[in-house]
N, C-alpha and C. Protein backbone atom coordinates (compact mmCIF):
# COMPACT_ATOMS: atom_id res chain seq x y z
N MET A 1 0.84 -1.18 0.00
CA MET A 1 0.00 0.00 0.00
C MET A 1 0.89 1.25 0.00
N PRO A 2 0.48 2.27 -0.70
CA PRO A 2 1.27 3.50 -0.68
C PRO A 2 1.20 4.16 0.70
N ASP A 3 2.06 5.16 0.91
CA ASP A 3 2.06 5.85 2.21
C ASP A 3 0.69 6.40 2.55
N LYS A 4 0.10 7.11 1.63
CA LYS A 4 -1.25 7.65 1.81
C LYS A 4 -2.11 7.25 0.62
N LEU A 5 -3.32 6.82 0.90
CA LEU A 5 -4.23 6.41 -0.17
C LEU A 5 -4.79 7.62 -0.90
N THR A 6 -5.03 7.43 -2.20
CA THR A 6 -5.68 8.45 -3.01
C THR A 6 -6.95 7.85 -3.60
N TRP A 7 -7.74 8.69 -4.24
CA TRP A 7 -8.99 8.23 -4.84
C TRP A 7 -8.75 7.14 -5.89
N ARG A 8 -7.56 7.06 -6.45
CA ARG A 8 -7.26 6.03 -7.46
C ARG A 8 -7.07 4.65 -6.84
N ASP A 9 -6.93 4.58 -5.53
CA ASP A 9 -6.64 3.32 -4.84
C ASP A 9 -7.91 2.65 -4.32
N SER A 10 -8.87 2.43 -5.19
CA SER A 10 -10.17 1.93 -4.73
C SER A 10 -10.07 0.58 -4.02
N ASP A 11 -9.24 -0.33 -4.51
CA ASP A 11 -9.11 -1.63 -3.84
C ASP A 11 -8.49 -1.48 -2.46
N ASP A 12 -7.44 -0.69 -2.35
CA ASP A 12 -6.79 -0.50 -1.05
C ASP A 12 -7.70 0.24 -0.08
N ILE A 13 -8.47 1.18 -0.59
CA ILE A 13 -9.46 1.87 0.26
C ILE A 13 -10.49 0.87 0.74
N ALA A 14 -10.94 0.00 -0.15
CA ALA A 14 -11.92 -1.02 0.25
C ALA A 14 -11.37 -1.90 1.36
N TYR A 15 -10.10 -2.33 1.25
CA TYR A 15 -9.50 -3.16 2.30
C TYR A 15 -9.44 -2.40 3.63
N ALA A 16 -9.08 -1.12 3.57
CA ALA A 16 -9.01 -0.32 4.79
C ALA A 16 -10.40 -0.17 5.42
N LEU A 17 -11.42 0.00 4.60
CA LEU A 17 -12.79 0.11 5.11
C LEU A 17 -13.26 -1.20 5.71
N ILE A 18 -12.90 -2.31 5.10
CA ILE A 18 -13.25 -3.63 5.64
C ILE A 18 -12.63 -3.80 7.02
N ASP A 19 -11.36 -3.40 7.15
CA ASP A 19 -10.67 -3.52 8.45
C ASP A 19 -11.33 -2.65 9.51
N LYS A 20 -11.72 -1.44 9.12
CA LYS A 20 -12.27 -0.48 10.09
C LYS A 20 -13.76 -0.73 10.38
N PHE A 21 -14.50 -1.21 9.37
CA PHE A 21 -15.95 -1.42 9.51
C PHE A 21 -16.32 -2.83 9.06
N PRO A 22 -15.87 -3.86 9.79
CA PRO A 22 -16.05 -5.24 9.33
C PRO A 22 -17.51 -5.69 9.20
N ASP A 23 -18.41 -5.08 9.92
CA ASP A 23 -19.81 -5.51 9.89
C ASP A 23 -20.69 -4.65 8.99
N GLN A 24 -20.10 -3.68 8.31
CA GLN A 24 -20.87 -2.77 7.46
C GLN A 24 -21.15 -3.40 6.10
N ASP A 25 -22.40 -3.31 5.67
CA ASP A 25 -22.77 -3.73 4.31
C ASP A 25 -22.54 -2.52 3.40
N PRO A 26 -21.57 -2.61 2.48
CA PRO A 26 -21.26 -1.45 1.65
C PRO A 26 -22.41 -1.01 0.76
N LEU A 27 -23.31 -1.92 0.43
CA LEU A 27 -24.42 -1.57 -0.45
C LEU A 27 -25.51 -0.78 0.28
N LYS A 28 -25.43 -0.71 1.58
CA LYS A 28 -26.42 0.05 2.36
C LYS A 28 -25.94 1.47 2.66
N LEU A 29 -24.80 1.86 2.10
CA LEU A 29 -24.26 3.18 2.33
C LEU A 29 -24.61 4.14 1.20
N SER A 30 -24.98 5.33 1.56
CA SER A 30 -25.12 6.38 0.55
C SER A 30 -23.71 6.83 0.16
N PHE A 31 -23.58 7.41 -1.02
CA PHE A 31 -22.26 7.89 -1.43
C PHE A 31 -21.73 8.98 -0.50
N PRO A 32 -22.58 9.91 0.00
CA PRO A 32 -22.05 10.89 0.95
C PRO A 32 -21.50 10.25 2.23
N LYS A 33 -22.17 9.23 2.73
CA LYS A 33 -21.70 8.53 3.94
C LYS A 33 -20.40 7.79 3.63
N LEU A 34 -20.34 7.12 2.49
CA LEU A 34 -19.12 6.41 2.09
C LEU A 34 -17.96 7.40 1.94
N HIS A 35 -18.22 8.52 1.33
CA HIS A 35 -17.20 9.56 1.16
C HIS A 35 -16.64 9.98 2.52
N LYS A 36 -17.52 10.22 3.47
CA LYS A 36 -17.11 10.62 4.82
C LYS A 36 -16.25 9.54 5.46
N MET A 37 -16.63 8.27 5.30
CA MET A 37 -15.86 7.17 5.88
C MET A 37 -14.46 7.10 5.26
N VAL A 38 -14.38 7.31 3.95
CA VAL A 38 -13.08 7.25 3.26
C VAL A 38 -12.16 8.37 3.73
N VAL A 39 -12.66 9.60 3.71
CA VAL A 39 -11.78 10.72 4.06
C VAL A 39 -11.37 10.69 5.54
N GLU A 40 -12.11 9.97 6.37
CA GLU A 40 -11.75 9.85 7.77
C GLU A 40 -10.78 8.70 8.04
N LEU A 41 -10.47 7.90 7.03
CA LEU A 41 -9.48 6.84 7.20
C LEU A 41 -8.12 7.46 7.49
N GLU A 42 -7.42 6.91 8.45
CA GLU A 42 -6.08 7.40 8.78
C GLU A 42 -5.13 7.28 7.59
N GLU A 43 -5.34 6.25 6.77
CA GLU A 43 -4.46 5.98 5.64
C GLU A 43 -4.73 6.87 4.43
N PHE A 44 -5.85 7.61 4.46
CA PHE A 44 -6.25 8.40 3.30
C PHE A 44 -5.59 9.76 3.32
N GLY A 45 -5.08 10.20 2.16
CA GLY A 45 -4.38 11.47 2.13
C GLY A 45 -4.65 12.32 0.90
N ASP A 46 -5.73 12.05 0.18
CA ASP A 46 -6.02 12.82 -1.04
C ASP A 46 -6.98 13.97 -0.72
N ASP A 47 -7.18 14.83 -1.71
CA ASP A 47 -8.09 15.96 -1.59
C ASP A 47 -9.53 15.44 -1.55
N PRO A 48 -10.26 15.68 -0.47
CA PRO A 48 -11.64 15.19 -0.37
C PRO A 48 -12.54 15.66 -1.51
N ASP A 49 -12.23 16.80 -2.09
CA ASP A 49 -13.08 17.35 -3.15
C ASP A 49 -12.82 16.74 -4.51
N LYS A 50 -11.86 15.84 -4.62
CA LYS A 50 -11.52 15.28 -5.93
C LYS A 50 -12.19 13.94 -6.20
N SER A 51 -13.14 13.57 -5.39
CA SER A 51 -13.88 12.32 -5.64
C SER A 51 -15.01 12.60 -6.63
N SER A 52 -15.61 11.52 -7.10
CA SER A 52 -16.76 11.63 -8.00
C SER A 52 -17.68 10.45 -7.74
N GLU A 53 -18.83 10.48 -8.36
CA GLU A 53 -19.75 9.36 -8.20
C GLU A 53 -19.12 8.07 -8.71
N ALA A 54 -18.39 8.15 -9.81
CA ALA A 54 -17.73 6.96 -10.36
C ALA A 54 -16.69 6.40 -9.40
N VAL A 55 -15.96 7.27 -8.73
CA VAL A 55 -14.96 6.84 -7.75
C VAL A 55 -15.65 6.17 -6.56
N MET A 56 -16.72 6.77 -6.09
CA MET A 56 -17.46 6.20 -4.96
C MET A 56 -18.01 4.81 -5.32
N GLU A 57 -18.53 4.70 -6.55
CA GLU A 57 -19.06 3.42 -6.99
C GLU A 57 -17.94 2.37 -7.09
N ALA A 58 -16.78 2.75 -7.57
CA ALA A 58 -15.66 1.81 -7.67
C ALA A 58 -15.24 1.32 -6.29
N ILE A 59 -15.19 2.21 -5.31
CA ILE A 59 -14.84 1.82 -3.95
C ILE A 59 -15.91 0.90 -3.37
N GLN A 60 -17.17 1.28 -3.55
CA GLN A 60 -18.27 0.48 -3.03
C GLN A 60 -18.27 -0.92 -3.63
N MET A 61 -18.04 -1.02 -4.94
CA MET A 61 -18.04 -2.33 -5.60
C MET A 61 -16.82 -3.16 -5.19
N ALA A 62 -15.67 -2.52 -5.04
CA ALA A 62 -14.48 -3.26 -4.60
C ALA A 62 -14.71 -3.82 -3.20
N TRP A 63 -15.32 -3.03 -2.33
CA TRP A 63 -15.64 -3.46 -0.97
C TRP A 63 -16.63 -4.61 -1.01
N TYR A 64 -17.69 -4.44 -1.78
CA TYR A 64 -18.73 -5.47 -1.88
C TYR A 64 -18.15 -6.79 -2.41
N GLU A 65 -17.36 -6.72 -3.46
CA GLU A 65 -16.78 -7.94 -4.03
C GLU A 65 -15.84 -8.64 -3.04
N GLU A 66 -15.14 -7.87 -2.24
CA GLU A 66 -14.20 -8.45 -1.29
C GLU A 66 -14.92 -9.17 -0.15
N VAL A 67 -16.08 -8.69 0.26
CA VAL A 67 -16.77 -9.32 1.39
C VAL A 67 -17.72 -10.43 0.96
N GLN A 68 -17.87 -10.63 -0.32
CA GLN A 68 -18.74 -11.73 -0.79
C GLN A 68 -18.09 -13.07 -0.67
């Protein structure tokens, strides 16, 4: 994993979210809630304003696929 995660690191962000929120169903999260969870990760270091709906969806799907 890089020193600080960026929005391009959807798989690594998903792993960090799984570690921090093991019982959370990613499909039950709104994108604003998911965004808040990502930017609050200690490992995250990108500009919070540089995300998009496509980025949020990629993170959500990576998380979902990993917990299946």
